[in-house]
Amino acid sequence: MTGARRLPWALVLAGALLAGCGGGDGDDVGGEGGAPELSVTGAYLPEPVNPEVAGGFLTVRNAGGADDALVSVSSDLTGSVEMHETVDNAMRRVEELPIPAGGTLALERGGSHLMFVDLAEPPVEGDVVTVELRFEVSEPLTVEVPVESATHTGGENDHGDHGDHEGHEGHGEDGEAGEENSP
């Protein structure tokens, strides 16, 4: 009977030890560091000048306390969406793009970006493309990405730190900013 009385205490001790050891899989939301908390802003796809490929741009913000990484992308536009980075003016495909805790992953012209390849039909300005972003830790995010003019740079939709648009160049032929996508 002594062995039977020790079994519950052994289970309690084992449970306490396991509870004290973090699994390290990013699911420890309340613990030190927490989990990634991802959101997407400023998404756009310029109308492609080459009918076979298109570039996609957006910013993934990680307000959480743990790193994550963008590991794959899919879209209703094409069966093949690649992640690219540009280093020393050379573009190369990558398997993942890191998203640091408390930081951002900026996919922008001249840097890291999405490449939609083998387009059956190129999108035109005014279209909306559905994109699913998949991450190493976080659940996938689905983003509705507007197709903008070929010369669009993303500045019109992200007013974060450049304020008033009067006298600000690059917003179109007459200097107008276009429609806001944020409240």
N, C-alpha and C. Protein backbone atom coordinates (compact mmCIF):
# COMPACT_ATOMS: atom_id res chain seq x y z
N MET A 1 0.81 -1.19 0.00
CA MET A 1 0.00 0.00 0.00
C MET A 1 0.86 1.26 0.00
N THR A 2 2.08 1.19 0.45
CA THR A 2 2.95 2.35 0.45
C THR A 2 3.22 2.84 -0.97
N GLY A 3 3.40 1.93 -1.91
CA GLY A 3 3.62 2.34 -3.30
C GLY A 3 2.41 3.06 -3.86
N ALA A 4 1.21 2.66 -3.46
CA ALA A 4 -0.01 3.30 -3.94
C ALA A 4 -0.13 4.71 -3.39
N ARG A 5 0.34 4.95 -2.14
CA ARG A 5 0.27 6.30 -1.58
C ARG A 5 1.31 7.22 -2.21
N ARG A 6 2.42 6.68 -2.66
CA ARG A 6 3.47 7.50 -3.28
C ARG A 6 3.10 7.91 -4.70
N LEU A 7 2.30 7.13 -5.39
CA LEU A 7 1.97 7.42 -6.78
C LEU A 7 1.32 8.79 -6.96
N PRO A 8 0.29 9.18 -6.16
CA PRO A 8 -0.27 10.53 -6.36
C PRO A 8 0.76 11.63 -6.14
N TRP A 9 1.63 11.49 -5.16
CA TRP A 9 2.65 12.51 -4.92
C TRP A 9 3.65 12.56 -6.06
N ALA A 10 3.96 11.42 -6.62
CA ALA A 10 4.88 11.38 -7.76
C ALA A 10 4.25 12.10 -8.96
N LEU A 11 2.96 11.90 -9.17
CA LEU A 11 2.28 12.58 -10.26
C LEU A 11 2.22 14.08 -10.04
N VAL A 12 1.97 14.51 -8.79
CA VAL A 12 1.95 15.94 -8.47
C VAL A 12 3.32 16.55 -8.71
N LEU A 13 4.37 15.86 -8.26
CA LEU A 13 5.74 16.36 -8.45
C LEU A 13 6.08 16.43 -9.94
N ALA A 14 5.73 15.39 -10.69
CA ALA A 14 6.01 15.39 -12.13
C ALA A 14 5.27 16.54 -12.81
N GLY A 15 4.01 16.76 -12.44
CA GLY A 15 3.23 17.85 -13.02
C GLY A 15 3.84 19.20 -12.71
N ALA A 16 4.31 19.39 -11.48
CA ALA A 16 4.93 20.65 -11.10
C ALA A 16 6.21 20.88 -11.88
N LEU A 17 7.00 19.83 -12.05
CA LEU A 17 8.23 19.97 -12.82
C LEU A 17 7.95 20.32 -14.28
N LEU A 18 6.95 19.65 -14.87
CA LEU A 18 6.61 19.95 -16.26
C LEU A 18 6.05 21.36 -16.42
N ALA A 19 5.25 21.80 -15.46
CA ALA A 19 4.68 23.16 -15.53
C ALA A 19 5.77 24.20 -15.42
N GLY A 20 6.82 23.91 -14.70
CA GLY A 20 7.91 24.87 -14.52
C GLY A 20 8.82 24.95 -15.72
N CYS A 21 8.79 23.93 -16.57
CA CYS A 21 9.64 23.91 -17.76
C CYS A 21 8.84 24.38 -18.95
N GLY A 22 9.19 25.52 -19.53
CA GLY A 22 8.49 26.01 -20.72
C GLY A 22 8.77 25.12 -21.89
N GLY A 23 7.77 24.95 -22.73
CA GLY A 23 7.92 24.10 -23.91
C GLY A 23 8.76 24.76 -24.98
N GLY A 24 8.89 26.09 -24.95
CA GLY A 24 9.72 26.79 -25.93
C GLY A 24 9.12 26.80 -27.33
N ASP A 25 7.81 26.53 -27.45
CA ASP A 25 7.22 26.48 -28.77
C ASP A 25 6.44 27.74 -29.12
N GLY A 26 6.56 28.79 -28.31
CA GLY A 26 5.92 30.06 -28.62
C GLY A 26 4.48 30.13 -28.16
N ASP A 27 3.96 29.06 -27.53
CA ASP A 27 2.57 29.07 -27.08
C ASP A 27 2.42 29.62 -25.67
N ASP A 28 3.50 30.00 -25.03
CA ASP A 28 3.47 30.48 -23.66
C ASP A 28 3.13 31.96 -23.64
N VAL A 29 1.86 32.26 -23.92
CA VAL A 29 1.44 33.65 -24.09
C VAL A 29 1.61 34.45 -22.81
N GLY A 30 1.34 33.86 -21.66
CA GLY A 30 1.42 34.61 -20.42
C GLY A 30 2.81 34.62 -19.81
N GLY A 31 3.72 33.87 -20.34
CA GLY A 31 5.05 33.75 -19.74
C GLY A 31 5.99 34.83 -20.22
N GLU A 32 7.24 34.65 -19.83
CA GLU A 32 8.27 35.62 -20.21
C GLU A 32 8.40 35.65 -21.74
N GLY A 33 8.31 36.79 -22.31
CA GLY A 33 8.44 36.93 -23.76
C GLY A 33 7.12 36.89 -24.49
N GLY A 34 6.26 35.95 -24.16
CA GLY A 34 4.96 35.86 -24.83
C GLY A 34 5.07 35.31 -26.23
N ALA A 35 3.97 35.34 -26.96
CA ALA A 35 3.89 34.83 -28.33
C ALA A 35 3.93 35.99 -29.32
N PRO A 36 4.21 35.68 -30.59
CA PRO A 36 4.13 36.74 -31.61
C PRO A 36 2.69 37.24 -31.72
N GLU A 37 2.52 38.52 -32.02
CA GLU A 37 1.21 39.12 -32.28
C GLU A 37 1.36 39.90 -33.58
N LEU A 38 0.92 39.28 -34.67
CA LEU A 38 1.18 39.83 -36.00
C LEU A 38 -0.01 40.58 -36.57
N SER A 39 0.29 41.65 -37.32
CA SER A 39 -0.70 42.39 -38.08
C SER A 39 -0.03 42.87 -39.37
N VAL A 40 -0.86 43.14 -40.37
CA VAL A 40 -0.35 43.55 -41.68
C VAL A 40 -0.89 44.93 -42.02
N THR A 41 -0.01 45.80 -42.52
CA THR A 41 -0.41 47.14 -42.95
C THR A 41 0.23 47.46 -44.29
N GLY A 42 -0.33 48.46 -44.97
CA GLY A 42 0.28 49.02 -46.17
C GLY A 42 0.42 48.07 -47.34
N ALA A 43 -0.42 47.04 -47.45
CA ALA A 43 -0.28 46.07 -48.54
C ALA A 43 -0.71 46.68 -49.87
N TYR A 44 0.08 46.42 -50.90
CA TYR A 44 -0.29 46.82 -52.26
C TYR A 44 0.51 46.02 -53.27
N LEU A 45 -0.01 45.94 -54.47
CA LEU A 45 0.63 45.27 -55.58
C LEU A 45 0.57 46.24 -56.76
N PRO A 46 1.70 46.76 -57.21
CA PRO A 46 1.66 47.66 -58.37
C PRO A 46 1.23 46.90 -59.62
N GLU A 47 0.45 47.54 -60.46
CA GLU A 47 0.07 46.91 -61.72
C GLU A 47 1.36 46.53 -62.45
N PRO A 48 1.53 45.26 -62.78
CA PRO A 48 2.81 44.83 -63.36
C PRO A 48 3.04 45.37 -64.77
N VAL A 49 4.30 45.71 -65.05
CA VAL A 49 4.68 46.13 -66.40
C VAL A 49 5.04 44.91 -67.24
N ASN A 50 5.44 43.83 -66.60
CA ASN A 50 5.71 42.55 -67.25
C ASN A 50 4.50 41.66 -66.98
N PRO A 51 3.82 41.18 -68.00
CA PRO A 51 2.58 40.43 -67.79
C PRO A 51 2.77 39.06 -67.12
N GLU A 52 4.01 38.62 -66.92
CA GLU A 52 4.25 37.30 -66.35
C GLU A 52 4.58 37.32 -64.86
N VAL A 53 4.98 38.47 -64.32
CA VAL A 53 5.35 38.56 -62.90
C VAL A 53 4.84 39.85 -62.29
N ALA A 54 4.66 39.82 -60.96
CA ALA A 54 4.24 41.02 -60.24
C ALA A 54 4.90 41.00 -58.86
N GLY A 55 5.20 42.19 -58.35
CA GLY A 55 5.78 42.31 -57.02
C GLY A 55 4.72 42.70 -56.02
N GLY A 56 4.84 42.22 -54.80
CA GLY A 56 3.90 42.56 -53.74
C GLY A 56 4.63 43.13 -52.55
N PHE A 57 4.01 44.12 -51.91
CA PHE A 57 4.67 44.84 -50.83
C PHE A 57 3.70 45.02 -49.67
N LEU A 58 4.21 44.94 -48.45
CA LEU A 58 3.41 45.11 -47.23
C LEU A 58 4.36 45.15 -46.05
N THR A 59 3.80 45.45 -44.89
CA THR A 59 4.57 45.43 -43.65
C THR A 59 3.87 44.52 -42.66
N VAL A 60 4.64 43.60 -42.07
CA VAL A 60 4.12 42.74 -41.01
C VAL A 60 4.69 43.26 -39.70
N ARG A 61 3.82 43.65 -38.79
CA ARG A 61 4.23 44.15 -37.48
C ARG A 61 4.06 43.04 -36.45
N ASN A 62 5.05 42.89 -35.58
CA ASN A 62 5.01 41.89 -34.52
C ASN A 62 5.02 42.62 -33.18
N ALA A 63 3.84 42.79 -32.58
CA ALA A 63 3.72 43.48 -31.29
C ALA A 63 3.96 42.53 -30.13
N GLY A 64 4.20 41.27 -30.42
CA GLY A 64 4.39 40.27 -29.37
C GLY A 64 5.82 40.20 -28.85
N GLY A 65 6.01 39.29 -27.93
CA GLY A 65 7.30 39.15 -27.28
C GLY A 65 8.15 38.01 -27.80
N ALA A 66 7.75 37.39 -28.92
CA ALA A 66 8.53 36.29 -29.49
C ALA A 66 8.72 36.51 -30.99
N ASP A 67 9.86 36.08 -31.49
CA ASP A 67 10.15 36.16 -32.91
C ASP A 67 9.22 35.23 -33.70
N ASP A 68 9.05 35.52 -34.97
CA ASP A 68 8.33 34.65 -35.88
C ASP A 68 9.02 34.79 -37.23
N ALA A 69 8.53 34.10 -38.24
CA ALA A 69 9.10 34.21 -39.58
C ALA A 69 8.01 33.93 -40.60
N LEU A 70 8.03 34.67 -41.69
CA LEU A 70 7.16 34.40 -42.83
C LEU A 70 7.80 33.24 -43.58
N VAL A 71 7.06 32.12 -43.72
CA VAL A 71 7.66 30.93 -44.33
C VAL A 71 7.06 30.56 -45.68
N SER A 72 5.85 31.03 -45.99
CA SER A 72 5.30 30.79 -47.32
C SER A 72 4.12 31.72 -47.58
N VAL A 73 3.80 31.86 -48.86
CA VAL A 73 2.73 32.76 -49.29
C VAL A 73 1.97 32.07 -50.42
N SER A 74 0.65 32.21 -50.41
CA SER A 74 -0.16 31.72 -51.53
C SER A 74 -1.14 32.82 -51.93
N SER A 75 -1.68 32.69 -53.14
CA SER A 75 -2.56 33.74 -53.65
C SER A 75 -3.51 33.18 -54.68
N ASP A 76 -4.66 33.86 -54.82
CA ASP A 76 -5.61 33.50 -55.88
C ASP A 76 -5.13 34.00 -57.24
N LEU A 77 -4.08 34.81 -57.26
CA LEU A 77 -3.57 35.37 -58.52
C LEU A 77 -2.75 34.35 -59.30
N THR A 78 -2.01 33.50 -58.58
CA THR A 78 -1.12 32.53 -59.21
C THR A 78 -0.85 31.38 -58.24
N GLY A 79 -0.41 30.28 -58.78
CA GLY A 79 -0.05 29.14 -57.94
C GLY A 79 1.34 29.25 -57.36
N SER A 80 2.10 30.29 -57.73
CA SER A 80 3.48 30.41 -57.28
C SER A 80 3.78 31.83 -56.79
N VAL A 81 3.96 31.95 -55.48
CA VAL A 81 4.38 33.22 -54.89
C VAL A 81 5.69 32.95 -54.15
N GLU A 82 6.73 33.68 -54.54
CA GLU A 82 8.05 33.51 -53.93
C GLU A 82 8.36 34.68 -53.02
N MET A 83 9.21 34.42 -52.02
CA MET A 83 9.72 35.48 -51.15
C MET A 83 11.14 35.79 -51.61
N HIS A 84 11.40 37.07 -51.84
CA HIS A 84 12.72 37.49 -52.32
C HIS A 84 13.31 38.55 -51.39
N GLU A 85 14.63 38.60 -51.39
CA GLU A 85 15.32 39.71 -50.74
C GLU A 85 16.31 40.27 -51.75
N THR A 86 16.61 41.54 -51.60
CA THR A 86 17.58 42.18 -52.48
C THR A 86 18.75 42.63 -51.64
N VAL A 87 19.93 42.14 -52.00
CA VAL A 87 21.16 42.50 -51.29
C VAL A 87 22.18 42.92 -52.33
N ASP A 88 22.77 44.09 -52.17
CA ASP A 88 23.75 44.62 -53.13
C ASP A 88 23.20 44.59 -54.56
N ASN A 89 21.97 45.06 -54.72
CA ASN A 89 21.29 45.13 -56.01
C ASN A 89 21.08 43.78 -56.68
N ALA A 90 21.20 42.69 -55.93
CA ALA A 90 20.95 41.37 -56.47
C ALA A 90 19.75 40.75 -55.75
N MET A 91 18.76 40.32 -56.54
CA MET A 91 17.56 39.72 -55.97
C MET A 91 17.77 38.22 -55.86
N ARG A 92 17.35 37.63 -54.71
CA ARG A 92 17.43 36.18 -54.57
C ARG A 92 16.24 35.66 -53.77
N ARG A 93 15.84 34.46 -54.10
CA ARG A 93 14.73 33.80 -53.42
C ARG A 93 15.20 33.32 -52.05
N VAL A 94 14.33 33.43 -51.05
CA VAL A 94 14.65 32.95 -49.70
C VAL A 94 13.52 32.03 -49.22
N GLU A 95 13.85 31.18 -48.26
CA GLU A 95 12.88 30.23 -47.72
C GLU A 95 12.05 30.83 -46.60
N GLU A 96 12.58 31.87 -45.94
CA GLU A 96 11.83 32.53 -44.87
C GLU A 96 12.36 33.93 -44.66
N LEU A 97 11.50 34.77 -44.08
CA LEU A 97 11.88 36.14 -43.76
C LEU A 97 11.55 36.37 -42.28
N PRO A 98 12.55 36.74 -41.47
CA PRO A 98 12.32 36.90 -40.03
C PRO A 98 11.46 38.10 -39.67
N ILE A 99 10.68 37.93 -38.60
CA ILE A 99 9.86 39.01 -38.05
C ILE A 99 10.20 39.09 -36.56
N PRO A 100 11.07 40.02 -36.17
CA PRO A 100 11.53 40.05 -34.78
C PRO A 100 10.44 40.47 -33.80
N ALA A 101 10.53 39.98 -32.58
CA ALA A 101 9.62 40.39 -31.52
C ALA A 101 9.70 41.90 -31.36
N GLY A 102 8.55 42.55 -31.30
CA GLY A 102 8.52 44.00 -31.15
C GLY A 102 8.98 44.77 -32.37
N GLY A 103 9.13 44.09 -33.51
CA GLY A 103 9.65 44.76 -34.70
C GLY A 103 8.76 44.55 -35.92
N THR A 104 9.33 44.78 -37.09
CA THR A 104 8.57 44.67 -38.33
C THR A 104 9.38 43.94 -39.40
N LEU A 105 8.65 43.42 -40.35
CA LEU A 105 9.20 42.90 -41.59
C LEU A 105 8.63 43.80 -42.67
N ALA A 106 9.48 44.60 -43.30
CA ALA A 106 9.03 45.53 -44.35
C ALA A 106 9.34 44.92 -45.70
N LEU A 107 8.29 44.61 -46.45
CA LEU A 107 8.45 44.14 -47.82
C LEU A 107 8.21 45.35 -48.70
N GLU A 108 9.29 45.86 -49.33
CA GLU A 108 9.22 47.12 -50.05
C GLU A 108 10.08 47.09 -51.29
N ARG A 109 9.82 48.05 -52.18
CA ARG A 109 10.61 48.16 -53.41
C ARG A 109 12.09 48.31 -53.06
N GLY A 110 12.93 47.58 -53.77
CA GLY A 110 14.36 47.66 -53.56
C GLY A 110 14.86 46.81 -52.40
N GLY A 111 13.96 46.11 -51.73
CA GLY A 111 14.34 45.27 -50.59
C GLY A 111 13.62 43.94 -50.66
N SER A 112 13.33 43.39 -49.51
CA SER A 112 12.57 42.14 -49.47
C SER A 112 11.18 42.39 -50.02
N HIS A 113 10.63 41.40 -50.75
CA HIS A 113 9.32 41.57 -51.38
C HIS A 113 8.74 40.21 -51.74
N LEU A 114 7.48 40.21 -52.15
CA LEU A 114 6.84 39.02 -52.67
C LEU A 114 6.90 39.08 -54.18
N MET A 115 7.10 37.93 -54.82
CA MET A 115 7.13 37.87 -56.27
C MET A 115 6.08 36.86 -56.73
N PHE A 116 5.06 37.36 -57.42
CA PHE A 116 4.00 36.54 -57.99
C PHE A 116 4.47 36.15 -59.38
N VAL A 117 4.71 34.86 -59.61
CA VAL A 117 5.29 34.43 -60.89
C VAL A 117 4.31 33.58 -61.68
N ASP A 118 4.57 33.47 -62.98
CA ASP A 118 3.76 32.67 -63.90
C ASP A 118 2.28 33.09 -63.87
N LEU A 119 2.05 34.39 -64.01
CA LEU A 119 0.68 34.91 -64.00
C LEU A 119 -0.08 34.44 -65.23
N ALA A 120 -1.26 33.88 -65.02
CA ALA A 120 -2.11 33.49 -66.15
C ALA A 120 -2.66 34.74 -66.81
N GLU A 121 -3.03 35.71 -65.97
CA GLU A 121 -3.55 36.98 -66.46
C GLU A 121 -3.06 38.06 -65.49
N PRO A 122 -2.41 39.11 -65.99
CA PRO A 122 -1.90 40.14 -65.08
C PRO A 122 -3.04 40.94 -64.44
N PRO A 123 -2.89 41.29 -63.17
CA PRO A 123 -3.90 42.13 -62.52
C PRO A 123 -3.81 43.56 -63.04
N VAL A 124 -4.91 44.28 -62.94
CA VAL A 124 -4.93 45.68 -63.37
C VAL A 124 -5.31 46.56 -62.18
N GLU A 125 -4.92 47.80 -62.27
CA GLU A 125 -5.23 48.77 -61.22
C GLU A 125 -6.72 48.70 -60.88
N GLY A 126 -7.02 48.63 -59.59
CA GLY A 126 -8.40 48.53 -59.13
C GLY A 126 -8.78 47.12 -58.70
N ASP A 127 -8.05 46.11 -59.19
CA ASP A 127 -8.30 44.73 -58.75
C ASP A 127 -7.90 44.57 -57.29
N VAL A 128 -8.37 43.52 -56.68
CA VAL A 128 -7.96 43.15 -55.33
C VAL A 128 -7.52 41.69 -55.37
N VAL A 129 -6.35 41.41 -54.83
CA VAL A 129 -5.77 40.08 -54.84
C VAL A 129 -5.78 39.53 -53.42
N THR A 130 -6.25 38.31 -53.24
CA THR A 130 -6.25 37.67 -51.93
C THR A 130 -4.93 36.94 -51.74
N VAL A 131 -4.28 37.21 -50.61
CA VAL A 131 -2.98 36.62 -50.30
C VAL A 131 -3.06 35.99 -48.92
N GLU A 132 -2.54 34.77 -48.79
CA GLU A 132 -2.45 34.14 -47.47
C GLU A 132 -0.98 34.05 -47.08
N LEU A 133 -0.66 34.63 -45.93
CA LEU A 133 0.70 34.61 -45.39
C LEU A 133 0.76 33.51 -44.32
N ARG A 134 1.77 32.62 -44.42
CA ARG A 134 1.93 31.57 -43.43
C ARG A 134 3.25 31.78 -42.68
N PHE A 135 3.18 31.51 -41.38
CA PHE A 135 4.29 31.82 -40.49
C PHE A 135 4.80 30.58 -39.78
N GLU A 136 6.01 30.69 -39.26
CA GLU A 136 6.62 29.59 -38.53
C GLU A 136 5.84 29.27 -37.25
N VAL A 137 5.38 30.30 -36.53
CA VAL A 137 4.71 30.11 -35.24
C VAL A 137 3.23 30.49 -35.31
N SER A 138 2.93 31.64 -35.81
CA SER A 138 1.57 32.18 -35.80
C SER A 138 0.66 31.50 -36.83
N GLU A 139 -0.64 31.66 -36.60
CA GLU A 139 -1.63 31.18 -37.55
C GLU A 139 -1.54 32.02 -38.83
N PRO A 140 -1.97 31.47 -39.98
CA PRO A 140 -1.93 32.23 -41.23
C PRO A 140 -2.80 33.49 -41.17
N LEU A 141 -2.41 34.50 -41.94
CA LEU A 141 -3.18 35.72 -42.09
C LEU A 141 -3.58 35.86 -43.56
N THR A 142 -4.85 36.18 -43.80
CA THR A 142 -5.33 36.44 -45.15
C THR A 142 -5.46 37.95 -45.33
N VAL A 143 -4.89 38.44 -46.41
CA VAL A 143 -4.84 39.88 -46.68
C VAL A 143 -5.44 40.15 -48.06
N GLU A 144 -6.32 41.15 -48.14
CA GLU A 144 -6.85 41.61 -49.42
C GLU A 144 -5.93 42.74 -49.90
N VAL A 145 -5.21 42.50 -50.98
CA VAL A 145 -4.19 43.42 -51.46
C VAL A 145 -4.69 44.17 -52.68
N PRO A 146 -4.81 45.49 -52.59
CA PRO A 146 -5.25 46.27 -53.75
C PRO A 146 -4.15 46.38 -54.81
N VAL A 147 -4.56 46.34 -56.07
CA VAL A 147 -3.64 46.56 -57.18
C VAL A 147 -3.66 48.06 -57.47
N GLU A 148 -2.49 48.67 -57.38
CA GLU A 148 -2.33 50.12 -57.56
C GLU A 148 -1.65 50.39 -58.90
N SER A 149 -1.47 51.65 -59.22
CA SER A 149 -0.78 52.02 -60.46
C SER A 149 0.66 51.49 -60.43
N ALA A 150 1.24 51.32 -61.60
CA ALA A 150 2.59 50.77 -61.70
C ALA A 150 3.63 51.62 -60.98
N THR A 151 3.37 52.92 -60.82
CA THR A 151 4.34 53.81 -60.18
C THR A 151 4.07 54.02 -58.70
N HIS A 152 3.06 53.38 -58.16
CA HIS A 152 2.70 53.51 -56.74
C HIS A 152 3.86 53.06 -55.86
N THR A 153 4.14 53.82 -54.81
CA THR A 153 5.25 53.46 -53.92
C THR A 153 4.80 53.10 -52.52
N GLY A 154 3.51 53.19 -52.23
CA GLY A 154 3.02 52.82 -50.91
C GLY A 154 2.89 53.97 -49.95
N GLY A 155 3.47 55.12 -50.24
CA GLY A 155 3.46 56.24 -49.32
C GLY A 155 2.07 56.81 -49.04
N GLU A 156 1.17 56.73 -49.99
CA GLU A 156 -0.15 57.33 -49.80
C GLU A 156 -0.95 56.64 -48.72
N ASN A 157 -0.73 55.35 -48.54
CA ASN A 157 -1.55 54.58 -47.61
C ASN A 157 -0.92 54.47 -46.23
N ASP A 158 0.25 55.01 -46.04
CA ASP A 158 0.93 54.89 -44.75
C ASP A 158 1.37 56.28 -44.32
N HIS A 159 0.49 56.97 -43.62
CA HIS A 159 0.75 58.35 -43.22
C HIS A 159 1.49 58.44 -41.90
N GLY A 160 2.06 57.34 -41.45
CA GLY A 160 2.66 57.25 -40.14
C GLY A 160 3.50 58.42 -39.70
N ASP A 161 4.41 58.93 -40.54
CA ASP A 161 5.28 59.98 -40.04
C ASP A 161 5.57 61.10 -41.03
N HIS A 162 4.77 61.23 -42.10
CA HIS A 162 5.06 62.35 -42.98
C HIS A 162 3.94 63.37 -43.07
N GLY A 163 2.93 63.21 -42.24
CA GLY A 163 1.93 64.26 -42.02
C GLY A 163 1.15 64.72 -43.22
N ASP A 164 0.94 66.02 -43.31
CA ASP A 164 0.10 66.66 -44.31
C ASP A 164 0.66 66.44 -45.71
N HIS A 165 -0.24 66.31 -46.70
CA HIS A 165 0.19 66.04 -48.06
C HIS A 165 0.36 67.27 -48.93
N GLU A 166 0.06 68.46 -48.44
CA GLU A 166 0.23 69.64 -49.27
C GLU A 166 1.69 69.80 -49.65
N GLY A 167 1.94 69.91 -50.94
CA GLY A 167 3.30 70.11 -51.42
C GLY A 167 4.12 68.84 -51.44
N HIS A 168 3.51 67.70 -51.10
CA HIS A 168 4.23 66.43 -51.07
C HIS A 168 4.16 65.80 -52.45
N GLU A 169 5.29 65.57 -53.08
CA GLU A 169 5.32 65.03 -54.43
C GLU A 169 5.15 63.52 -54.43
N GLY A 170 4.81 62.97 -55.59
CA GLY A 170 4.75 61.53 -55.76
C GLY A 170 3.38 60.94 -55.51
N HIS A 171 2.34 61.75 -55.47
CA HIS A 171 1.00 61.24 -55.23
C HIS A 171 0.14 61.24 -56.47
N GLY A 172 0.72 61.32 -57.60
CA GLY A 172 -0.08 61.31 -58.83
C GLY A 172 0.20 62.56 -59.64
N GLU A 173 -0.48 62.64 -60.76
CA GLU A 173 -0.21 63.74 -61.68
C GLU A 173 -0.52 65.11 -61.09
N ASP A 174 -1.58 65.21 -60.29
CA ASP A 174 -1.95 66.52 -59.77
C ASP A 174 -1.61 66.69 -58.29
N GLY A 175 -0.82 65.75 -57.72
CA GLY A 175 -0.40 65.87 -56.33
C GLY A 175 -1.43 65.37 -55.34
N GLU A 176 -2.57 64.84 -55.81
CA GLU A 176 -3.59 64.34 -54.90
C GLU A 176 -3.12 63.03 -54.29
N ALA A 177 -3.56 62.76 -53.08
CA ALA A 177 -3.09 61.60 -52.34
C ALA A 177 -3.86 60.33 -52.66
N GLY A 178 -5.00 60.39 -53.24
CA GLY A 178 -5.78 59.18 -53.48
C GLY A 178 -6.57 58.84 -52.23
N GLU A 179 -7.26 57.72 -52.26
CA GLU A 179 -8.12 57.34 -51.15
C GLU A 179 -7.33 56.76 -49.99
N GLU A 180 -7.78 57.05 -48.80
CA GLU A 180 -7.18 56.52 -47.58
C GLU A 180 -7.64 55.09 -47.39
N ASN A 181 -6.75 54.21 -46.90
CA ASN A 181 -7.13 52.87 -46.53
C ASN A 181 -7.20 52.69 -45.05
N SER A 182 -6.83 53.72 -44.29
CA SER A 182 -6.87 53.62 -42.84
C SER A 182 -7.83 54.65 -42.28
N PRO A 183 -8.39 54.35 -41.08
CA PRO A 183 -9.38 55.27 -40.51
C PRO A 183 -8.81 56.62 -40.15
